[in-house]
Amino acid sequence: MFYNYKDNVLSVSRLELDIKRTLESGQIFRYDALDSSRYVLYSKDSYVLLEQHENESLIYPIVDKDLDFWVHYFDLDISYDDIMHGLIEKDEKLRTAYVGNEGIRILNQDLFEIIISFIISQNNNIPRIRKIIDTLCTTYGTEFRNETLSYFGFPSREQLSKATLEDLKKAGLGYRAEYIRESCKTLTEDFLSGLKNPNNDSSYDDLLSMYGVGPKVANCITLFGLHKLDSFPIDTWIKKVLHVMYGVDNNRDISEVVSSFGKYAGIAQQYLFYYARNNQELFR
């Protein structure tokens, strides 16, 4: 075990969890930076305080019973450092993206929240995505208050279904408003349970059947919402990094590179994405 739990605080090696890098890796949109080393992260109706130190990351569960939830949320039962060292032993190009950027993890986020968030993310930038999601939370989500802070949970399907098409457009969704309206009709408990079923080999195709969900969004959902670590979302940055670092452009060659990462392709993708976003001069 590479994390410790004492006095209601989870401590994790920074090699396994770097808070800033994980939050800025494009997989989560609901968090606030309190300063350069402290953050509040929100998931559905919960929140957690995070604190970055030089060699360790601290996670403050609200109460003891939340320990299992946050261990699962941050996927702390497996060592990503071990996984990445296994991958970079065979791939010097991936080593370039990993060394110096350690600590990015795939979070186990709420499936409904992930689906709605990544539908919103289409042809959008991160600041605007965060602003739209914040508007949906404050307008339709439940408000929570305690002695530490007040915040709004992510709206449930029932809460979000109350929004009219015009309401959603006013929230900044534009053409995506229709996608959200239809998603609220589709995302029943039965549909979500079917997606989560570990024996369901067609979850990707089930997502593609949704109005407004294409291959990139479906892969984001399977990776960040269903935790299928072999999923490999391909966006503009990934296309650039695969072209520059691996010399591939067509779908067949891209598929060969992705296949070389095996069952942890999604973890490799996060490092390639983060490396490209933070070294934009190399990928123009």
C-alpha atoms as a PDB file:
ATOM      1  CA  MET A   1       0.000   0.000   0.000  1.00  0.00           C
ATOM      2  CA  PHE A   2       1.445   3.364  -1.030  1.00  0.00           C
ATOM      3  CA  TYR A   3      -0.866   5.634   0.974  1.00  0.00           C
ATOM      4  CA  ASN A   4      -1.293   6.228   4.703  1.00  0.00           C
ATOM      5  CA  TYR A   5      -4.372   7.128   6.697  1.00  0.00           C
ATOM      6  CA  LYS A   6      -4.066   8.797  10.077  1.00  0.00           C
ATOM      7  CA  ASP A   7      -6.154  11.337  11.986  1.00  0.00           C
ATOM      8  CA  ASN A   8      -8.722  11.508   9.184  1.00  0.00           C
ATOM      9  CA  VAL A   9      -6.085  12.456   6.587  1.00  0.00           C
ATOM     10  CA  LEU A  10      -4.984  10.418   3.570  1.00  0.00           C
ATOM     11  CA  SER A  11      -1.330  10.899   2.671  1.00  0.00           C
ATOM     12  CA  VAL A  12      -0.116   9.831  -0.772  1.00  0.00           C
ATOM     13  CA  SER A  13       3.329  10.017  -2.352  1.00  0.00           C
ATOM     14  CA  ARG A  14       3.523  12.838  -4.894  1.00  0.00           C
ATOM     15  CA  LEU A  15       4.878  10.321  -7.416  1.00  0.00           C
ATOM     16  CA  GLU A  16       1.500   8.590  -7.161  1.00  0.00           C
ATOM     17  CA  LEU A  17      -0.717  11.674  -6.863  1.00  0.00           C
ATOM     18  CA  ASP A  18       0.215  15.156  -7.933  1.00  0.00           C
ATOM     19  CA  ILE A  19      -2.894  17.223  -7.242  1.00  0.00           C
ATOM     20  CA  LYS A  20      -2.340  20.080  -9.701  1.00  0.00           C
ATOM     21  CA  ARG A  21      -1.367  17.807 -12.586  1.00  0.00           C
ATOM     22  CA  THR A  22      -4.313  15.510 -12.003  1.00  0.00           C
ATOM     23  CA  LEU A  23      -6.785  18.383 -11.793  1.00  0.00           C
ATOM     24  CA  GLU A  24      -5.347  19.995 -14.925  1.00  0.00           C
ATOM     25  CA  SER A  25      -5.244  16.837 -17.024  1.00  0.00           C
ATOM     26  CA  GLY A  26      -8.611  17.493 -18.664  1.00  0.00           C
ATOM     27  CA  GLN A  27     -10.676  14.871 -16.848  1.00  0.00           C
ATOM     28  CA  ILE A  28     -12.380  16.962 -14.148  1.00  0.00           C
ATOM     29  CA  PHE A  29     -14.028  20.379 -14.212  1.00  0.00           C
ATOM     30  CA  ARG A  30     -15.342  20.951 -10.667  1.00  0.00           C
ATOM     31  CA  TYR A  31     -12.645  22.180  -8.326  1.00  0.00           C
ATOM     32  CA  ASP A  32     -11.456  25.453  -6.815  1.00  0.00           C
ATOM     33  CA  ALA A  33      -7.878  26.526  -6.143  1.00  0.00           C
ATOM     34  CA  LEU A  34      -7.691  28.158  -2.700  1.00  0.00           C
ATOM     35  CA  ASP A  35      -4.052  29.085  -3.314  1.00  0.00           C
ATOM     36  CA  SER A  36      -1.062  27.562  -5.107  1.00  0.00           C
ATOM     37  CA  SER A  37      -1.084  24.405  -2.995  1.00  0.00           C
ATOM     38  CA  ARG A  38      -4.627  23.933  -1.643  1.00  0.00           C
ATOM     39  CA  TYR A  39      -7.742  22.913  -3.534  1.00  0.00           C
ATOM     40  CA  VAL A  40     -11.370  21.949  -2.992  1.00  0.00           C
ATOM     41  CA  LEU A  41     -12.594  19.164  -5.276  1.00  0.00           C
ATOM     42  CA  TYR A  42     -16.297  18.447  -5.772  1.00  0.00           C
ATOM     43  CA  SER A  43     -17.888  15.166  -6.808  1.00  0.00           C
ATOM     44  CA  LYS A  44     -21.658  14.901  -7.176  1.00  0.00           C
ATOM     45  CA  ASP A  45     -22.879  16.046  -3.707  1.00  0.00           C
ATOM     46  CA  SER A  46     -19.538  15.678  -1.894  1.00  0.00           C
ATOM     47  CA  TYR A  47     -16.333  17.640  -1.591  1.00  0.00           C
ATOM     48  CA  VAL A  48     -12.845  17.048  -0.293  1.00  0.00           C
ATOM     49  CA  LEU A  49      -9.941  19.308   0.672  1.00  0.00           C
ATOM     50  CA  LEU A  50      -6.584  18.693  -1.012  1.00  0.00           C
ATOM     51  CA  GLU A  51      -3.182  20.001  -0.032  1.00  0.00           C
ATOM     52  CA  GLN A  52       0.020  19.668  -2.047  1.00  0.00           C
ATOM     53  CA  HIS A  53       3.381  19.373  -0.289  1.00  0.00           C
ATOM     54  CA  GLU A  54       6.811  18.869  -1.796  1.00  0.00           C
ATOM     55  CA  ASN A  55       6.828  15.081  -1.541  1.00  0.00           C
ATOM     56  CA  GLU A  56       3.287  14.163  -0.600  1.00  0.00           C
ATOM     57  CA  SER A  57      -0.338  14.984  -1.298  1.00  0.00           C
ATOM     58  CA  LEU A  58      -2.870  15.212   1.525  1.00  0.00           C
ATOM     59  CA  ILE A  59      -6.565  14.356   1.183  1.00  0.00           C
ATOM     60  CA  TYR A  60      -8.909  15.389   3.968  1.00  0.00           C
ATOM     61  CA  PRO A  61     -12.067  13.224   4.001  1.00  0.00           C
ATOM     62  CA  ILE A  62     -14.957  14.970   5.722  1.00  0.00           C
ATOM     63  CA  VAL A  63     -15.608  12.121   8.153  1.00  0.00           C
ATOM     64  CA  ASP A  64     -14.192   8.649   8.674  1.00  0.00           C
ATOM     65  CA  LYS A  65     -16.943   6.911   6.718  1.00  0.00           C
ATOM     66  CA  ASP A  66     -15.821   8.766   3.571  1.00  0.00           C
ATOM     67  CA  LEU A  67     -12.423   7.046   3.552  1.00  0.00           C
ATOM     68  CA  ASP A  68     -13.470   4.200   1.242  1.00  0.00           C
ATOM     69  CA  PHE A  69     -15.225   6.637  -1.087  1.00  0.00           C
ATOM     70  CA  TRP A  70     -12.123   8.784  -1.582  1.00  0.00           C
ATOM     71  CA  VAL A  71      -9.721   5.837  -1.796  1.00  0.00           C
ATOM     72  CA  HIS A  72     -11.898   4.578  -4.638  1.00  0.00           C
ATOM     73  CA  TYR A  73     -12.305   8.047  -6.153  1.00  0.00           C
ATOM     74  CA  PHE A  74      -8.534   8.558  -6.423  1.00  0.00           C
ATOM     75  CA  ASP A  75      -8.022   4.899  -7.435  1.00  0.00           C
ATOM     76  CA  LEU A  76      -5.561   4.404  -4.596  1.00  0.00           C
ATOM     77  CA  ASP A  77      -5.625   0.612  -4.665  1.00  0.00           C
ATOM     78  CA  ILE A  78      -3.127   0.444  -7.537  1.00  0.00           C
ATOM     79  CA  SER A  79       0.254   2.064  -8.160  1.00  0.00           C
ATOM     80  CA  TYR A  80       0.250   4.235 -11.273  1.00  0.00           C
ATOM     81  CA  ASP A  81       4.001   4.749 -10.882  1.00  0.00           C
ATOM     82  CA  ASP A  82       4.512   0.992 -11.285  1.00  0.00           C
ATOM     83  CA  ILE A  83       2.170   0.908 -14.292  1.00  0.00           C
ATOM     84  CA  MET A  84       3.934   3.790 -16.019  1.00  0.00           C
ATOM     85  CA  HIS A  85       7.392   2.369 -15.397  1.00  0.00           C
ATOM     86  CA  GLY A  86       6.212  -0.834 -17.047  1.00  0.00           C
ATOM     87  CA  LEU A  87       5.043   1.150 -20.077  1.00  0.00           C
ATOM     88  CA  ILE A  88       8.061   3.433 -20.438  1.00  0.00           C
ATOM     89  CA  GLU A  89      10.493   0.512 -20.289  1.00  0.00           C
ATOM     90  CA  LYS A  90       9.205  -0.358 -23.769  1.00  0.00           C
ATOM     91  CA  ASP A  91       8.544   3.158 -25.049  1.00  0.00           C
ATOM     92  CA  GLU A  92      11.170   5.916 -24.871  1.00  0.00           C
ATOM     93  CA  LYS A  93       8.742   8.420 -26.381  1.00  0.00           C
ATOM     94  CA  LEU A  94       6.274   7.872 -23.564  1.00  0.00           C
ATOM     95  CA  ARG A  95       9.154   8.247 -21.099  1.00  0.00           C
ATOM     96  CA  THR A  96       9.590  11.820 -22.358  1.00  0.00           C
ATOM     97  CA  ALA A  97       5.977  12.607 -21.462  1.00  0.00           C
ATOM     98  CA  TYR A  98       6.127  10.872 -18.071  1.00  0.00           C
ATOM     99  CA  VAL A  99       9.419  11.881 -16.448  1.00  0.00           C
ATOM    100  CA  GLY A 100       8.932  15.224 -14.716  1.00  0.00           C
ATOM    101  CA  ASN A 101       5.135  14.962 -14.897  1.00  0.00           C
ATOM    102  CA  GLU A 102       4.566  12.089 -12.488  1.00  0.00           C
ATOM    103  CA  GLY A 103       1.468  11.840 -10.310  1.00  0.00           C
ATOM    104  CA  ILE A 104      -1.434  11.986 -12.776  1.00  0.00           C
ATOM    105  CA  ARG A 105      -4.200   9.521 -11.888  1.00  0.00           C
ATOM    106  CA  ILE A 106      -7.511   8.534 -13.485  1.00  0.00           C
ATOM    107  CA  LEU A 107     -10.297   9.555 -11.101  1.00  0.00           C
ATOM    108  CA  ASN A 108     -13.414   7.453 -10.456  1.00  0.00           C
ATOM    109  CA  GLN A 109     -16.051  10.123 -11.044  1.00  0.00           C
ATOM    110  CA  ASP A 110     -19.845   9.954 -10.952  1.00  0.00           C
ATOM    111  CA  LEU A 111     -21.111   8.561 -14.263  1.00  0.00           C
ATOM    112  CA  PHE A 112     -24.048  10.934 -14.771  1.00  0.00           C
ATOM    113  CA  GLU A 113     -21.849  13.937 -14.001  1.00  0.00           C
ATOM    114  CA  ILE A 114     -19.163  12.713 -16.398  1.00  0.00           C
ATOM    115  CA  ILE A 115     -21.604  12.139 -19.252  1.00  0.00           C
ATOM    116  CA  ILE A 116     -23.170  15.588 -18.945  1.00  0.00           C
ATOM    117  CA  SER A 117     -19.771  17.272 -18.456  1.00  0.00           C
ATOM    118  CA  PHE A 118     -18.172  15.739 -21.528  1.00  0.00           C
ATOM    119  CA  ILE A 119     -21.175  16.440 -23.720  1.00  0.00           C
ATOM    120  CA  ILE A 120     -20.690  20.067 -22.660  1.00  0.00           C
ATOM    121  CA  SER A 121     -16.956  19.801 -23.430  1.00  0.00           C
ATOM    122  CA  GLN A 122     -17.466  19.325 -27.177  1.00  0.00           C
ATOM    123  CA  ASN A 123     -15.769  22.079 -29.213  1.00  0.00           C
ATOM    124  CA  ASN A 124     -15.283  23.996 -26.007  1.00  0.00           C
ATOM    125  CA  ASN A 125     -12.401  25.268 -23.859  1.00  0.00           C
ATOM    126  CA  ILE A 126     -11.844  24.327 -20.229  1.00  0.00           C
ATOM    127  CA  PRO A 127     -12.591  27.740 -18.617  1.00  0.00           C
ATOM    128  CA  ARG A 128     -15.897  27.947 -20.502  1.00  0.00           C
ATOM    129  CA  ILE A 129     -16.775  24.321 -19.695  1.00  0.00           C
ATOM    130  CA  ARG A 130     -16.191  24.999 -16.002  1.00  0.00           C
ATOM    131  CA  LYS A 131     -18.294  28.146 -16.128  1.00  0.00           C
ATOM    132  CA  ILE A 132     -21.244  26.360 -17.775  1.00  0.00           C
ATOM    133  CA  ILE A 133     -21.089  23.476 -15.306  1.00  0.00           C
ATOM    134  CA  ASP A 134     -20.930  25.911 -12.393  1.00  0.00           C
ATOM    135  CA  THR A 135     -24.024  27.673 -13.735  1.00  0.00           C
ATOM    136  CA  LEU A 136     -25.904  24.369 -13.977  1.00  0.00           C
ATOM    137  CA  CYS A 137     -24.894  23.466 -10.419  1.00  0.00           C
ATOM    138  CA  THR A 138     -25.890  26.808  -8.884  1.00  0.00           C
ATOM    139  CA  THR A 139     -29.150  26.942 -10.856  1.00  0.00           C
ATOM    140  CA  TYR A 140     -30.372  23.345 -10.565  1.00  0.00           C
ATOM    141  CA  GLY A 141     -28.185  21.593  -7.990  1.00  0.00           C
ATOM    142  CA  THR A 142     -28.788  21.284  -4.250  1.00  0.00           C
ATOM    143  CA  GLU A 143     -27.028  23.778  -1.982  1.00  0.00           C
ATOM    144  CA  PHE A 144     -25.014  22.445   0.934  1.00  0.00           C
ATOM    145  CA  ARG A 145     -23.705  24.457   3.863  1.00  0.00           C
ATOM    146  CA  ASN A 146     -21.474  23.607   6.810  1.00  0.00           C
ATOM    147  CA  GLU A 147     -18.969  25.349   9.020  1.00  0.00           C
ATOM    148  CA  THR A 148     -16.285  25.029   6.336  1.00  0.00           C
ATOM    149  CA  LEU A 149     -17.966  26.246   3.157  1.00  0.00           C
ATOM    150  CA  SER A 150     -21.143  26.336   1.120  1.00  0.00           C
ATOM    151  CA  TYR A 151     -21.361  24.724  -2.295  1.00  0.00           C
ATOM    152  CA  PHE A 152     -23.792  23.292  -4.835  1.00  0.00           C
ATOM    153  CA  GLY A 153     -23.915  19.648  -5.794  1.00  0.00           C
ATOM    154  CA  PHE A 154     -24.054  18.537  -9.400  1.00  0.00           C
ATOM    155  CA  PRO A 155     -27.727  18.427 -10.446  1.00  0.00           C
ATOM    156  CA  SER A 156     -29.400  15.044 -10.592  1.00  0.00           C
ATOM    157  CA  ARG A 157     -31.168  13.859 -13.715  1.00  0.00           C
ATOM    158  CA  GLU A 158     -34.483  14.879 -12.162  1.00  0.00           C
ATOM    159  CA  GLN A 159     -33.218  18.358 -11.268  1.00  0.00           C
ATOM    160  CA  LEU A 160     -31.611  18.979 -14.650  1.00  0.00           C
ATOM    161  CA  SER A 161     -34.717  17.727 -16.459  1.00  0.00           C
ATOM    162  CA  LYS A 162     -36.582  20.763 -15.124  1.00  0.00           C
ATOM    163  CA  ALA A 163     -34.499  23.049 -17.330  1.00  0.00           C
ATOM    164  CA  THR A 164     -36.132  24.099 -20.580  1.00  0.00           C
ATOM    165  CA  LEU A 165     -34.228  24.213 -23.840  1.00  0.00           C
ATOM    166  CA  GLU A 166     -34.152  27.992 -23.585  1.00  0.00           C
ATOM    167  CA  ASP A 167     -32.866  27.797 -19.980  1.00  0.00           C
ATOM    168  CA  LEU A 168     -29.984  25.586 -21.093  1.00  0.00           C
ATOM    169  CA  LYS A 169     -29.103  27.882 -23.959  1.00  0.00           C
ATOM    170  CA  LYS A 170     -29.040  30.841 -21.550  1.00  0.00           C
ATOM    171  CA  ALA A 171     -26.588  28.858 -19.413  1.00  0.00           C
ATOM    172  CA  GLY A 172     -24.162  29.009 -22.346  1.00  0.00           C
ATOM    173  CA  LEU A 173     -24.743  25.578 -23.858  1.00  0.00           C
ATOM    174  CA  GLY A 174     -25.703  26.748 -27.340  1.00  0.00           C
ATOM    175  CA  TYR A 175     -26.395  23.824 -29.680  1.00  0.00           C
ATOM    176  CA  ARG A 176     -25.356  21.432 -26.890  1.00  0.00           C
ATOM    177  CA  ALA A 177     -28.566  22.348 -25.041  1.00  0.00           C
ATOM    178  CA  GLU A 178     -30.504  19.870 -27.186  1.00  0.00           C
ATOM    179  CA  TYR A 179     -27.954  17.164 -26.379  1.00  0.00           C
ATOM    180  CA  ILE A 180     -28.397  17.765 -22.648  1.00  0.00           C
ATOM    181  CA  ARG A 181     -32.191  17.720 -22.886  1.00  0.00           C
ATOM    182  CA  GLU A 182     -32.156  14.415 -24.726  1.00  0.00           C
ATOM    183  CA  SER A 183     -29.532  12.970 -22.382  1.00  0.00           C
ATOM    184  CA  CYS A 184     -31.783  13.643 -19.402  1.00  0.00           C
ATOM    185  CA  LYS A 185     -34.425  11.473 -21.090  1.00  0.00           C
ATOM    186  CA  THR A 186     -31.955   8.712 -21.949  1.00  0.00           C
ATOM    187  CA  LEU A 187     -29.947   8.486 -18.724  1.00  0.00           C
ATOM    188  CA  THR A 188     -32.389   6.484 -16.633  1.00  0.00           C
ATOM    189  CA  GLU A 189     -31.176   4.365 -13.739  1.00  0.00           C
ATOM    190  CA  ASP A 190     -31.548   1.276 -15.936  1.00  0.00           C
ATOM    191  CA  PHE A 191     -29.446   2.816 -18.710  1.00  0.00           C
ATOM    192  CA  LEU A 192     -26.729   3.927 -16.290  1.00  0.00           C
ATOM    193  CA  SER A 193     -26.741   0.541 -14.543  1.00  0.00           C
ATOM    194  CA  GLY A 194     -26.342  -1.134 -17.910  1.00  0.00           C
ATOM    195  CA  LEU A 195     -23.320   1.010 -18.696  1.00  0.00           C
ATOM    196  CA  LYS A 196     -21.771   0.199 -15.315  1.00  0.00           C
ATOM    197  CA  ASN A 197     -22.314  -3.551 -15.680  1.00  0.00           C
ATOM    198  CA  PRO A 198     -18.794  -5.058 -15.808  1.00  0.00           C
ATOM    199  CA  ASN A 199     -20.087  -7.730 -18.188  1.00  0.00           C
ATOM    200  CA  ASN A 200     -21.320  -5.124 -20.668  1.00  0.00           C
ATOM    201  CA  ASP A 201     -18.893  -5.170 -23.591  1.00  0.00           C
ATOM    202  CA  SER A 202     -20.992  -2.737 -25.595  1.00  0.00           C
ATOM    203  CA  SER A 203     -20.917   0.294 -23.252  1.00  0.00           C
ATOM    204  CA  TYR A 204     -18.976   2.302 -25.846  1.00  0.00           C
ATOM    205  CA  ASP A 205     -21.585   1.540 -28.511  1.00  0.00           C
ATOM    206  CA  ASP A 206     -24.383   2.261 -26.035  1.00  0.00           C
ATOM    207  CA  LEU A 207     -22.881   5.710 -25.465  1.00  0.00           C
ATOM    208  CA  LEU A 208     -22.571   6.317 -29.204  1.00  0.00           C
ATOM    209  CA  SER A 209     -26.300   5.661 -29.497  1.00  0.00           C
ATOM    210  CA  MET A 210     -26.946   8.796 -27.418  1.00  0.00           C
ATOM    211  CA  TYR A 211     -27.851  12.007 -29.221  1.00  0.00           C
ATOM    212  CA  GLY A 212     -24.778  14.245 -29.424  1.00  0.00           C
ATOM    213  CA  VAL A 213     -22.191  11.663 -28.319  1.00  0.00           C
ATOM    214  CA  GLY A 214     -19.385  10.895 -30.774  1.00  0.00           C
ATOM    215  CA  PRO A 215     -16.258   8.703 -30.513  1.00  0.00           C
ATOM    216  CA  LYS A 216     -14.105  11.207 -28.579  1.00  0.00           C
ATOM    217  CA  VAL A 217     -16.778  11.925 -25.959  1.00  0.00           C
ATOM    218  CA  ALA A 218     -17.685   8.226 -25.687  1.00  0.00           C
ATOM    219  CA  ASN A 219     -14.037   7.365 -25.020  1.00  0.00           C
ATOM    220  CA  CYS A 220     -13.785  10.122 -22.406  1.00  0.00           C
ATOM    221  CA  ILE A 221     -16.850   8.721 -20.651  1.00  0.00           C
ATOM    222  CA  THR A 222     -15.614   5.119 -20.715  1.00  0.00           C
ATOM    223  CA  LEU A 223     -12.230   6.232 -19.359  1.00  0.00           C
ATOM    224  CA  PHE A 224     -13.250   8.816 -16.768  1.00  0.00           C
ATOM    225  CA  GLY A 225     -16.754   7.574 -15.909  1.00  0.00           C
ATOM    226  CA  LEU A 226     -16.530   3.796 -16.324  1.00  0.00           C
ATOM    227  CA  HIS A 227     -12.806   3.549 -15.510  1.00  0.00           C
ATOM    228  CA  LYS A 228     -12.045   1.413 -18.545  1.00  0.00           C
ATOM    229  CA  LEU A 229      -8.333   2.096 -18.568  1.00  0.00           C
ATOM    230  CA  ASP A 230      -7.820   0.842 -22.110  1.00  0.00           C
ATOM    231  CA  SER A 231      -9.958   3.698 -23.483  1.00  0.00           C
ATOM    232  CA  PHE A 232      -7.990   6.293 -25.452  1.00  0.00           C
ATOM    233  CA  PRO A 233      -9.787   9.583 -26.212  1.00  0.00           C
ATOM    234  CA  ILE A 234      -8.352  11.322 -29.268  1.00  0.00           C
ATOM    235  CA  ASP A 235      -8.650  15.096 -29.500  1.00  0.00           C
ATOM    236  CA  THR A 236      -6.624  17.780 -31.266  1.00  0.00           C
ATOM    237  CA  TRP A 237      -3.775  17.620 -28.741  1.00  0.00           C
ATOM    238  CA  ILE A 238      -3.504  13.845 -28.924  1.00  0.00           C
ATOM    239  CA  LYS A 239      -3.452  13.973 -32.720  1.00  0.00           C
ATOM    240  CA  LYS A 240      -0.635  16.506 -32.549  1.00  0.00           C
ATOM    241  CA  VAL A 241       1.430  14.543 -30.058  1.00  0.00           C
ATOM    242  CA  LEU A 242       0.975  11.284 -31.970  1.00  0.00           C
ATOM    243  CA  HIS A 243       2.048  13.024 -35.171  1.00  0.00           C
ATOM    244  CA  VAL A 244       5.100  14.768 -33.707  1.00  0.00           C
ATOM    245  CA  MET A 245       6.312  12.062 -31.311  1.00  0.00           C
ATOM    246  CA  TYR A 246       5.218   8.888 -33.091  1.00  0.00           C
ATOM    247  CA  GLY A 247       5.028  10.044 -36.701  1.00  0.00           C
ATOM    248  CA  VAL A 248       1.500   8.726 -37.247  1.00  0.00           C
ATOM    249  CA  ASP A 249      -1.510  10.411 -38.823  1.00  0.00           C
ATOM    250  CA  ASN A 250      -3.905   7.848 -40.264  1.00  0.00           C
ATOM    251  CA  ASN A 251      -6.319   5.804 -38.178  1.00  0.00           C
ATOM    252  CA  ARG A 252      -4.568   2.491 -38.780  1.00  0.00           C
ATOM    253  CA  ASP A 253      -1.176   3.721 -37.559  1.00  0.00           C
ATOM    254  CA  ILE A 254      -2.785   5.529 -34.623  1.00  0.00           C
ATOM    255  CA  SER A 255      -4.541   2.289 -33.643  1.00  0.00           C
ATOM    256  CA  GLU A 256      -1.209   0.446 -33.669  1.00  0.00           C
ATOM    257  CA  VAL A 257       0.337   2.985 -31.290  1.00  0.00           C
ATOM    258  CA  VAL A 258      -2.691   2.844 -28.977  1.00  0.00           C
ATOM    259  CA  SER A 259      -2.620  -0.965 -29.016  1.00  0.00           C
ATOM    260  CA  SER A 260       1.022  -0.901 -27.923  1.00  0.00           C
ATOM    261  CA  PHE A 261      -0.073   0.670 -24.621  1.00  0.00           C
ATOM    262  CA  GLY A 262      -2.332  -2.320 -23.919  1.00  0.00           C
ATOM    263  CA  LYS A 263      -4.806  -2.307 -21.038  1.00  0.00           C
ATOM    264  CA  TYR A 264      -3.391   0.945 -19.636  1.00  0.00           C
ATOM    265  CA  ALA A 265      -3.718   3.027 -22.812  1.00  0.00           C
ATOM    266  CA  GLY A 266      -5.894   5.557 -20.998  1.00  0.00           C
ATOM    267  CA  ILE A 267      -3.186   6.292 -18.443  1.00  0.00           C
ATOM    268  CA  ALA A 268      -0.646   6.763 -21.237  1.00  0.00           C
ATOM    269  CA  GLN A 269      -3.124   9.072 -22.972  1.00  0.00           C
ATOM    270  CA  GLN A 270      -3.338  11.319 -19.913  1.00  0.00           C
ATOM    271  CA  TYR A 271       0.417  11.790 -19.834  1.00  0.00           C
ATOM    272  CA  LEU A 272       0.628  12.461 -23.570  1.00  0.00           C
ATOM    273  CA  PHE A 273      -2.237  14.970 -23.309  1.00  0.00           C
ATOM    274  CA  TYR A 274      -0.714  16.736 -20.308  1.00  0.00           C
ATOM    275  CA  TYR A 275       2.734  16.844 -21.930  1.00  0.00           C
ATOM    276  CA  ALA A 276       1.347  18.329 -25.162  1.00  0.00           C
ATOM    277  CA  ARG A 277      -0.770  20.944 -23.366  1.00  0.00           C
ATOM    278  CA  ASN A 278       2.209  22.082 -21.300  1.00  0.00           C
ATOM    279  CA  ASN A 279       4.726  22.100 -24.156  1.00  0.00           C
ATOM    280  CA  GLN A 280       2.619  23.716 -26.834  1.00  0.00           C
ATOM    281  CA  GLU A 281       5.642  25.168 -28.640  1.00  0.00           C
ATOM    282  CA  LEU A 282       6.607  21.615 -29.626  1.00  0.00           C
ATOM    283  CA  PHE A 283       3.225  20.767 -31.114  1.00  0.00           C
ATOM    284  CA  ARG A 284       2.148  23.700 -33.254  1.00  0.00           C
END
